[in-house]
C-alpha cells in the first residue's frame, strides 16, 4: 500500500478480490449448508436474526449434533476481560 499523502484506498476493489478467493468461497458454502440444514429441521427460519454456530468450531462439520442457532450478538463477539482482551 503506497504511503503517499494523496493515496486513496479502493475498498471496493479490495473486497472483490477477497470475496472470490477459493478459501472464502468454501467457508461461505459451508455456512450456507449449515443454515439450510437448520431451517429444514425447524431450528431456524429465514430472517430470524440468528446465526448458526458450530459448537466445536475447530471441526466445522455440519452434523446436527455440532450445530446450534444463537443470536448474532452472541456468535459474533468474544468474552472479554476487564482490559478488553479475549478470555
PDB file of N, CA and C in Angstrom:
ATOM      1  N   UNK A   1       0.849  -1.171   0.000  1.00  0.00           N
ATOM      2  CA  UNK A   1       0.000   0.000   0.000  1.00  0.00           C
ATOM      3  C   UNK A   1       0.893   1.233   0.000  1.00  0.00           C
ATOM      4  N   UNK A   2       0.721   2.102  -0.977  1.00  0.00           N
ATOM      5  CA  UNK A   2       1.528   3.326  -1.033  1.00  0.00           C
ATOM      6  C   UNK A   2       1.281   4.205   0.187  1.00  0.00           C
ATOM      7  N   UNK A   3       2.297   4.911   0.563  1.00  0.00           N
ATOM      8  CA  UNK A   3       2.177   5.750   1.752  1.00  0.00           C
ATOM      9  C   UNK A   3       2.154   7.237   1.426  1.00  0.00           C
ATOM     10  N   UNK A   4       1.846   7.574   0.161  1.00  0.00           N
ATOM     11  CA  UNK A   4       1.817   8.991  -0.183  1.00  0.00           C
ATOM     12  C   UNK A   4       0.602   9.664   0.443  1.00  0.00           C
ATOM     13  N   UNK A   5       0.690  10.965   0.609  1.00  0.00           N
ATOM     14  CA  UNK A   5      -0.381  11.714   1.269  1.00  0.00           C
ATOM     15  C   UNK A   5      -1.673  11.703   0.468  1.00  0.00           C
ATOM     16  N   UNK A   6      -1.594  11.606  -0.841  1.00  0.00           N
ATOM     17  CA  UNK A   6      -2.787  11.658  -1.681  1.00  0.00           C
ATOM     18  C   UNK A   6      -3.334  10.281  -2.048  1.00  0.00           C
ATOM     19  N   UNK A   7      -2.770   9.221  -1.491  1.00  0.00           N
ATOM     20  CA  UNK A   7      -3.220   7.875  -1.823  1.00  0.00           C
ATOM     21  C   UNK A   7      -4.601   7.620  -1.243  1.00  0.00           C
ATOM     22  N   UNK A   8      -5.486   7.072  -2.074  1.00  0.00           N
ATOM     23  CA  UNK A   8      -6.833   6.741  -1.633  1.00  0.00           C
ATOM     24  C   UNK A   8      -7.064   5.257  -1.894  1.00  0.00           C
ATOM     25  N   UNK A   9      -7.432   4.515  -0.844  1.00  0.00           N
ATOM     26  CA  UNK A   9      -7.650   3.083  -0.973  1.00  0.00           C
ATOM     27  C   UNK A   9      -8.926   2.805  -1.750  1.00  0.00           C
ATOM     28  N   UNK A  10      -8.892   1.781  -2.556  1.00  0.00           N
ATOM     29  CA  UNK A  10     -10.059   1.334  -3.295  1.00  0.00           C
ATOM     30  C   UNK A  10     -10.638   0.129  -2.543  1.00  0.00           C
ATOM     31  N   UNK A  11     -11.493   0.396  -1.565  1.00  0.00           N
ATOM     32  CA  UNK A  11     -12.041  -0.654  -0.722  1.00  0.00           C
ATOM     33  C   UNK A  11     -12.900  -1.630  -1.523  1.00  0.00           C
ATOM     34  N   UNK A  12     -13.630  -1.128  -2.494  1.00  0.00           N
ATOM     35  CA  UNK A  12     -14.475  -1.985  -3.312  1.00  0.00           C
ATOM     36  C   UNK A  12     -13.633  -3.015  -4.063  1.00  0.00           C
ATOM     37  N   UNK A  13     -12.549  -2.587  -4.636  1.00  0.00           N
ATOM     38  CA  UNK A  13     -11.661  -3.487  -5.367  1.00  0.00           C
ATOM     39  C   UNK A  13     -11.031  -4.519  -4.419  1.00  0.00           C
ATOM     40  N   UNK A  14     -10.627  -4.081  -3.245  1.00  0.00           N
ATOM     41  CA  UNK A  14     -10.046  -4.993  -2.271  1.00  0.00           C
ATOM     42  C   UNK A  14     -11.056  -6.051  -1.853  1.00  0.00           C
ATOM     43  N   UNK A  15     -12.299  -5.641  -1.635  1.00  0.00           N
ATOM     44  CA  UNK A  15     -13.331  -6.581  -1.211  1.00  0.00           C
ATOM     45  C   UNK A  15     -13.640  -7.573  -2.321  1.00  0.00           C
ATOM     46  N   UNK A  16     -13.718  -7.107  -3.569  1.00  0.00           N
ATOM     47  CA  UNK A  16     -13.995  -8.002  -4.689  1.00  0.00           C
ATOM     48  C   UNK A  16     -12.925  -9.082  -4.792  1.00  0.00           C
ATOM     49  N   UNK A  17     -11.675  -8.710  -4.598  1.00  0.00           N
ATOM     50  CA  UNK A  17     -10.590  -9.686  -4.661  1.00  0.00           C
ATOM     51  C   UNK A  17     -10.684 -10.686  -3.517  1.00  0.00           C
ATOM     52  N   UNK A  18     -11.048 -10.222  -2.330  1.00  0.00           N
ATOM     53  CA  UNK A  18     -11.124 -11.099  -1.169  1.00  0.00           C
ATOM     54  C   UNK A  18     -12.292 -12.073  -1.300  1.00  0.00           C
ATOM     55  N   UNK A  19     -13.431 -11.573  -1.744  1.00  0.00           N
ATOM     56  CA  UNK A  19     -14.658 -12.356  -1.774  1.00  0.00           C
ATOM     57  C   UNK A  19     -14.599 -13.515  -2.753  1.00  0.00           C
ATOM     58  N   UNK A  20     -13.731 -13.453  -3.742  1.00  0.00           N
ATOM     59  CA  UNK A  20     -13.670 -14.504  -4.750  1.00  0.00           C
ATOM     60  C   UNK A  20     -12.575 -15.526  -4.495  1.00  0.00           C
ATOM     61  N   UNK A  21     -11.854 -15.409  -3.389  1.00  0.00           N
ATOM     62  CA  UNK A  21     -10.809 -16.379  -3.089  1.00  0.00           C
ATOM     63  C   UNK A  21     -11.451 -17.742  -2.826  1.00  0.00           C
ATOM     64  N   UNK A  22     -10.856 -18.809  -3.306  1.00  0.00           N
ATOM     65  CA  UNK A  22     -11.436 -20.144  -3.109  1.00  0.00           C
ATOM     66  C   UNK A  22     -11.651 -20.505  -1.640  1.00  0.00           C
ATOM     67  N   UNK A  23     -10.740 -20.096  -0.766  1.00  0.00           N
ATOM     68  CA  UNK A  23     -10.900 -20.429   0.650  1.00  0.00           C
ATOM     69  C   UNK A  23     -12.111 -19.711   1.247  1.00  0.00           C
ATOM     70  N   UNK A  24     -12.368 -18.487   0.828  1.00  0.00           N
ATOM     71  CA  UNK A  24     -13.510 -17.718   1.319  1.00  0.00           C
ATOM     72  C   UNK A  24     -14.806 -18.302   0.771  1.00  0.00           C
ATOM     73  N   UNK A  25     -14.799 -18.689  -0.497  1.00  0.00           N
ATOM     74  CA  UNK A  25     -15.981 -19.286  -1.115  1.00  0.00           C
ATOM     75  C   UNK A  25     -16.330 -20.593  -0.408  1.00  0.00           C
ATOM     76  N   UNK A  26     -15.334 -21.405  -0.095  1.00  0.00           N
ATOM     77  CA  UNK A  26     -15.566 -22.686   0.580  1.00  0.00           C
ATOM     78  C   UNK A  26     -16.190 -22.475   1.956  1.00  0.00           C
ATOM     79  N   UNK A  27     -15.705 -21.489   2.695  1.00  0.00           N
ATOM     80  CA  UNK A  27     -16.271 -21.204   4.016  1.00  0.00           C
ATOM     81  C   UNK A  27     -17.718 -20.725   3.908  1.00  0.00           C
ATOM     82  N   UNK A  28     -17.993 -19.887   2.908  1.00  0.00           N
ATOM     83  CA  UNK A  28     -19.357 -19.375   2.726  1.00  0.00           C
ATOM     84  C   UNK A  28     -20.308 -20.511   2.360  1.00  0.00           C
ATOM     85  N   UNK A  29     -19.869 -21.426   1.503  1.00  0.00           N
ATOM     86  CA  UNK A  29     -20.687 -22.573   1.125  1.00  0.00           C
ATOM     87  C   UNK A  29     -21.003 -23.416   2.353  1.00  0.00           C
ATOM     88  N   UNK A  30     -20.014 -23.627   3.205  1.00  0.00           N
ATOM     89  CA  UNK A  30     -20.197 -24.410   4.422  1.00  0.00           C
ATOM     90  C   UNK A  30     -21.200 -23.736   5.358  1.00  0.00           C
ATOM     91  N   UNK A  31     -21.109 -22.404   5.513  1.00  0.00           N
ATOM     92  CA  UNK A  31     -22.058 -21.676   6.366  1.00  0.00           C
ATOM     93  C   UNK A  31     -23.477 -21.777   5.821  1.00  0.00           C
ATOM     94  N   UNK A  32     -23.614 -21.651   4.502  1.00  0.00           N
ATOM     95  CA  UNK A  32     -24.935 -21.726   3.884  1.00  0.00           C
ATOM     96  C   UNK A  32     -25.548 -23.118   4.025  1.00  0.00           C
ATOM     97  N   UNK A  33     -24.729 -24.164   3.900  1.00  0.00           N
ATOM     98  CA  UNK A  33     -25.220 -25.531   4.085  1.00  0.00           C
ATOM     99  C   UNK A  33     -25.731 -25.731   5.510  1.00  0.00           C
ATOM    100  N   UNK A  34     -24.979 -25.214   6.473  1.00  0.00           N
ATOM    101  CA  UNK A  34     -25.378 -25.358   7.875  1.00  0.00           C
ATOM    102  C   UNK A  34     -26.703 -24.641   8.127  1.00  0.00           C
ATOM    103  N   UNK A  35     -26.875 -23.445   7.583  1.00  0.00           N
ATOM    104  CA  UNK A  35     -28.127 -22.701   7.768  1.00  0.00           C
ATOM    105  C   UNK A  35     -29.295 -23.439   7.127  1.00  0.00           C
ATOM    106  N   UNK A  36     -29.124 -23.928   5.904  1.00  0.00           N
ATOM    107  CA  UNK A  36     -30.208 -24.660   5.237  1.00  0.00           C
ATOM    108  C   UNK A  36     -30.608 -25.898   6.019  1.00  0.00           C
ATOM    109  N   UNK A  37     -29.626 -26.565   6.592  1.00  0.00           N
ATOM    110  CA  UNK A  37     -29.897 -27.762   7.380  1.00  0.00           C
ATOM    111  C   UNK A  37     -30.724 -27.415   8.624  1.00  0.00           C
ATOM    112  N   UNK A  38     -30.371 -26.333   9.296  1.00  0.00           N
ATOM    113  CA  UNK A  38     -31.107 -25.921  10.499  1.00  0.00           C
ATOM    114  C   UNK A  38     -32.513 -25.437  10.146  1.00  0.00           C
ATOM    115  N   UNK A  39     -32.680 -24.778   9.016  1.00  0.00           N
ATOM    116  CA  UNK A  39     -34.009 -24.339   8.580  1.00  0.00           C
ATOM    117  C   UNK A  39     -34.872 -25.559   8.281  1.00  0.00           C
ATOM    118  N   UNK A  40     -34.306 -26.568   7.635  1.00  0.00           N
ATOM    119  CA  UNK A  40     -35.057 -27.781   7.308  1.00  0.00           C
ATOM    120  C   UNK A  40     -35.518 -28.510   8.571  1.00  0.00           C
ATOM    121  N   UNK A  41     -34.719 -28.467   9.623  1.00  0.00           N
ATOM    122  CA  UNK A  41     -35.072 -29.122  10.886  1.00  0.00           C
ATOM    123  C   UNK A  41     -35.993 -28.265  11.751  1.00  0.00           C
ATOM    124  N   UNK A  42     -36.241 -27.017  11.336  1.00  0.00           N
ATOM    125  CA  UNK A  42     -37.134 -26.139  12.089  1.00  0.00           C
ATOM    126  C   UNK A  42     -36.473 -25.423  13.248  1.00  0.00           C
ATOM    127  N   UNK A  43     -35.156 -25.449  13.319  1.00  0.00           N
ATOM    128  CA  UNK A  43     -34.435 -24.809  14.421  1.00  0.00           C
ATOM    129  C   UNK A  43     -34.090 -23.356  14.129  1.00  0.00           C
ATOM    130  N   UNK A  44     -34.260 -22.948  12.874  1.00  0.00           N
ATOM    131  CA  UNK A  44     -34.007 -21.564  12.458  1.00  0.00           C
ATOM    132  C   UNK A  44     -34.982 -21.230  11.344  1.00  0.00           C
ATOM    133  N   UNK A  45     -35.145 -19.947  11.098  1.00  0.00           N
ATOM    134  CA  UNK A  45     -36.005 -19.532   9.987  1.00  0.00           C
ATOM    135  C   UNK A  45     -35.355 -18.354   9.277  1.00  0.00           C
ATOM    136  N   UNK A  46     -35.810 -18.095   8.067  1.00  0.00           N
ATOM    137  CA  UNK A  46     -35.258 -17.011   7.268  1.00  0.00           C
ATOM    138  C   UNK A  46     -35.586 -15.686   7.946  1.00  0.00           C
ATOM    139  N   UNK A  47     -34.583 -14.849   8.126  1.00  0.00           N
ATOM    140  CA  UNK A  47     -34.793 -13.529   8.710  1.00  0.00           C
ATOM    141  C   UNK A  47     -35.014 -13.527  10.208  1.00  0.00           C
ATOM    142  N   UNK A  48     -34.614 -14.580  10.902  1.00  0.00           N
ATOM    143  CA  UNK A  48     -34.837 -14.642  12.350  1.00  0.00           C
ATOM    144  C   UNK A  48     -33.770 -13.911  13.161  1.00  0.00           C
ATOM    145  N   UNK A  49     -32.727 -13.390  12.507  1.00  0.00           N
ATOM    146  CA  UNK A  49     -31.689 -12.643  13.209  1.00  0.00           C
ATOM    147  C   UNK A  49     -30.734 -13.517  13.984  1.00  0.00           C
ATOM    148  N   UNK A  50     -30.668 -14.787  13.647  1.00  0.00           N
ATOM    149  CA  UNK A  50     -29.778 -15.706  14.356  1.00  0.00           C
ATOM    150  C   UNK A  50     -28.703 -16.224  13.416  1.00  0.00           C
ATOM    151  N   UNK A  51     -27.588 -16.588  14.012  1.00  0.00           N
ATOM    152  CA  UNK A  51     -26.502 -17.230  13.286  1.00  0.00           C
ATOM    153  C   UNK A  51     -26.508 -18.708  13.645  1.00  0.00           C
ATOM    154  N   UNK A  52     -25.997 -19.516  12.737  1.00  0.00           N
ATOM    155  CA  UNK A  52     -25.825 -20.928  13.018  1.00  0.00           C
ATOM    156  C   UNK A  52     -24.387 -21.099  13.492  1.00  0.00           C
ATOM    157  N   UNK A  53     -24.249 -21.547  14.717  1.00  0.00           N
ATOM    158  CA  UNK A  53     -22.941 -21.661  15.346  1.00  0.00           C
ATOM    159  C   UNK A  53     -22.509 -23.111  15.370  1.00  0.00           C
ATOM    160  N   UNK A  54     -21.239 -23.359  15.163  1.00  0.00           N
ATOM    161  CA  UNK A  54     -20.679 -24.687  15.316  1.00  0.00           C
ATOM    162  C   UNK A  54     -20.215 -24.813  16.773  1.00  0.00           C
ATOM    163  N   UNK A  55     -20.750 -25.773  17.486  1.00  0.00           N
ATOM    164  CA  UNK A  55     -20.383 -25.953  18.891  1.00  0.00           C
ATOM    165  C   UNK A  55     -18.882 -26.201  19.015  1.00  0.00           C
ATOM    166  N   UNK A  56     -18.373 -27.080  18.174  1.00  0.00           N
ATOM    167  CA  UNK A  56     -16.929 -27.312  18.118  1.00  0.00           C
ATOM    168  C   UNK A  56     -16.427 -26.581  16.889  1.00  0.00           C
ATOM    169  N   UNK A  57     -15.957 -25.368  17.064  1.00  0.00           N
ATOM    170  CA  UNK A  57     -15.559 -24.526  15.949  1.00  0.00           C
ATOM    171  C   UNK A  57     -14.320 -24.998  15.224  1.00  0.00           C
ATOM    172  N   UNK A  58     -13.569 -25.894  15.832  1.00  0.00           N
ATOM    173  CA  UNK A  58     -12.351 -26.369  15.189  1.00  0.00           C
ATOM    174  C   UNK A  58     -12.639 -27.347  14.062  1.00  0.00           C
ATOM    175  N   UNK A  59     -13.730 -28.102  14.171  1.00  0.00           N
ATOM    176  CA  UNK A  59     -14.006 -29.118  13.156  1.00  0.00           C
ATOM    177  C   UNK A  59     -14.811 -28.563  11.994  1.00  0.00           C
ATOM    178  N   UNK A  60     -15.743 -27.645  12.254  1.00  0.00           N
ATOM    179  CA  UNK A  60     -16.589 -27.033  11.229  1.00  0.00           C
ATOM    180  C   UNK A  60     -17.385 -28.060  10.434  1.00  0.00           C
ATOM    181  N   UNK A  61     -17.692 -29.224  11.038  1.00  0.00           N
ATOM    182  CA  UNK A  61     -18.551 -30.167  10.326  1.00  0.00           C
ATOM    183  C   UNK A  61     -20.009 -29.779  10.549  1.00  0.00           C
ATOM    184  N   UNK A  62     -20.864 -30.167   9.635  1.00  0.00           N
ATOM    185  CA  UNK A  62     -22.256 -29.745   9.672  1.00  0.00           C
ATOM    186  C   UNK A  62     -23.196 -30.823  10.195  1.00  0.00           C
ATOM    187  N   UNK A  63     -22.711 -31.668  11.089  1.00  0.00           N
ATOM    188  CA  UNK A  63     -23.614 -32.627  11.734  1.00  0.00           C
ATOM    189  C   UNK A  63     -24.536 -31.853  12.672  1.00  0.00           C
ATOM    190  N   UNK A  64     -25.767 -32.311  12.782  1.00  0.00           N
ATOM    191  CA  UNK A  64     -26.742 -31.620  13.636  1.00  0.00           C
ATOM    192  C   UNK A  64     -26.258 -31.529  15.082  1.00  0.00           C
ATOM    193  N   UNK A  65     -25.498 -32.532  15.524  1.00  0.00           N
ATOM    194  CA  UNK A  65     -25.006 -32.512  16.905  1.00  0.00           C
ATOM    195  C   UNK A  65     -23.975 -31.409  17.128  1.00  0.00           C
ATOM    196  N   UNK A  66     -23.436 -30.840  16.050  1.00  0.00           N
ATOM    197  CA  UNK A  66     -22.417 -29.801  16.172  1.00  0.00           C
ATOM    198  C   UNK A  66     -22.969 -28.405  15.863  1.00  0.00           C
ATOM    199  N   UNK A  67     -24.268 -28.298  15.570  1.00  0.00           N
ATOM    200  CA  UNK A  67     -24.852 -27.010  15.197  1.00  0.00           C
ATOM    201  C   UNK A  67     -25.835 -26.516  16.248  1.00  0.00           C
ATOM    202  N   UNK A  68     -25.891 -25.184  16.391  1.00  0.00           N
ATOM    203  CA  UNK A  68     -26.906 -24.567  17.249  1.00  0.00           C
ATOM    204  C   UNK A  68     -27.205 -23.172  16.710  1.00  0.00           C
ATOM    205  N   UNK A  69     -28.450 -22.741  16.896  1.00  0.00           N
ATOM    206  CA  UNK A  69     -28.857 -21.402  16.465  1.00  0.00           C
ATOM    207  C   UNK A  69     -28.697 -20.458  17.654  1.00  0.00           C
ATOM    208  N   UNK A  70     -27.943 -19.383  17.455  1.00  0.00           N
ATOM    209  CA  UNK A  70     -27.696 -18.411  18.522  1.00  0.00           C
ATOM    210  C   UNK A  70     -27.887 -17.003  17.974  1.00  0.00           C
ATOM    211  N   UNK A  71     -28.210 -16.035  18.840  1.00  0.00           N
ATOM    212  CA  UNK A  71     -28.320 -14.646  18.369  1.00  0.00           C
ATOM    213  C   UNK A  71     -26.987 -14.152  17.815  1.00  0.00           C
ATOM    214  N   UNK A  72     -27.062 -13.238  16.855  1.00  0.00           N
ATOM    215  CA  UNK A  72     -25.845 -12.700  16.241  1.00  0.00           C
ATOM    216  C   UNK A  72     -24.922 -12.070  17.274  1.00  0.00           C
ATOM    217  N   UNK A  73     -25.514 -11.410  18.260  1.00  0.00           N
ATOM    218  CA  UNK A  73     -24.694 -10.731  19.265  1.00  0.00           C
ATOM    219  C   UNK A  73     -23.849 -11.708  20.064  1.00  0.00           C
ATOM    220  N   UNK A  74     -24.314 -12.939  20.235  1.00  0.00           N
ATOM    221  CA  UNK A  74     -23.536 -13.945  20.968  1.00  0.00           C
ATOM    222  C   UNK A  74     -22.474 -14.585  20.076  1.00  0.00           C
ATOM    223  N   UNK A  75     -22.819 -14.838  18.830  1.00  0.00           N
ATOM    224  CA  UNK A  75     -21.904 -15.559  17.947  1.00  0.00           C
ATOM    225  C   UNK A  75     -20.793 -14.680  17.405  1.00  0.00           C
ATOM    226  N   UNK A  76     -21.020 -13.387  17.294  1.00  0.00           N
ATOM    227  CA  UNK A  76     -20.034 -12.501  16.679  1.00  0.00           C
ATOM    228  C   UNK A  76     -19.239 -11.695  17.693  1.00  0.00           C
ATOM    229  N   UNK A  77     -19.208 -12.139  18.920  1.00  0.00           N
ATOM    230  CA  UNK A  77     -18.417 -11.448  19.936  1.00  0.00           C
ATOM    231  C   UNK A  77     -17.690 -12.491  20.776  1.00  0.00           C
ATOM    232  N   UNK A  78     -16.753 -12.040  21.553  1.00  0.00           N
ATOM    233  CA  UNK A  78     -15.971 -12.913  22.406  1.00  0.00           C
ATOM    234  C   UNK A  78     -16.084 -12.428  23.840  1.00  0.00           C
ATOM    235  N   UNK A  79     -15.962 -13.348  24.763  1.00  0.00           N
ATOM    236  CA  UNK A  79     -15.917 -12.970  26.171  1.00  0.00           C
ATOM    237  C   UNK A  79     -14.667 -12.128  26.396  1.00  0.00           C
ATOM    238  N   UNK A  80     -14.812 -11.047  27.142  1.00  0.00           N
ATOM    239  CA  UNK A  80     -13.700 -10.119  27.353  1.00  0.00           C
ATOM    240  C   UNK A  80     -13.340 -10.022  28.831  1.00  0.00           C
ATOM    241  N   UNK A  81     -12.080  -9.683  29.079  1.00  0.00           N
ATOM    242  CA  UNK A  81     -11.635  -9.412  30.436  1.00  0.00           C
ATOM    243  C   UNK A  81     -11.859  -7.922  30.719  1.00  0.00           C
ATOM    244  N   UNK A  82     -11.493  -7.487  31.905  1.00  0.00           N
ATOM    245  CA  UNK A  82     -11.648  -6.059  32.254  1.00  0.00           C
ATOM    246  C   UNK A  82     -10.752  -5.174  31.404  1.00  0.00           C
ATOM    247  N   UNK A  83      -9.672  -5.745  30.850  1.00  0.00           N
ATOM    248  CA  UNK A  83      -8.755  -4.981  29.999  1.00  0.00           C
ATOM    249  C   UNK A  83      -9.153  -5.043  28.527  1.00  0.00           C
ATOM    250  N   UNK A  84     -10.339  -5.572  28.237  1.00  0.00           N
ATOM    251  CA  UNK A  84     -10.881  -5.699  26.882  1.00  0.00           C
ATOM    252  C   UNK A  84     -10.126  -6.716  26.038  1.00  0.00           C
ATOM    253  N   UNK A  85      -9.419  -7.628  26.698  1.00  0.00           N
ATOM    254  CA  UNK A  85      -8.756  -8.713  25.974  1.00  0.00           C
ATOM    255  C   UNK A  85      -9.689  -9.911  25.939  1.00  0.00           C
ATOM    256  N   UNK A  86      -9.438 -10.807  24.977  1.00  0.00           N
ATOM    257  CA  UNK A  86     -10.226 -12.031  24.915  1.00  0.00           C
ATOM    258  C   UNK A  86      -9.889 -12.918  26.091  1.00  0.00           C
ATOM    259  N   UNK A  87     -10.897 -13.594  26.618  1.00  0.00           N
ATOM    260  CA  UNK A  87     -10.651 -14.549  27.705  1.00  0.00           C
ATOM    261  C   UNK A  87     -10.076 -15.818  27.149  1.00  0.00           C
TER     262      UNK A  87
END
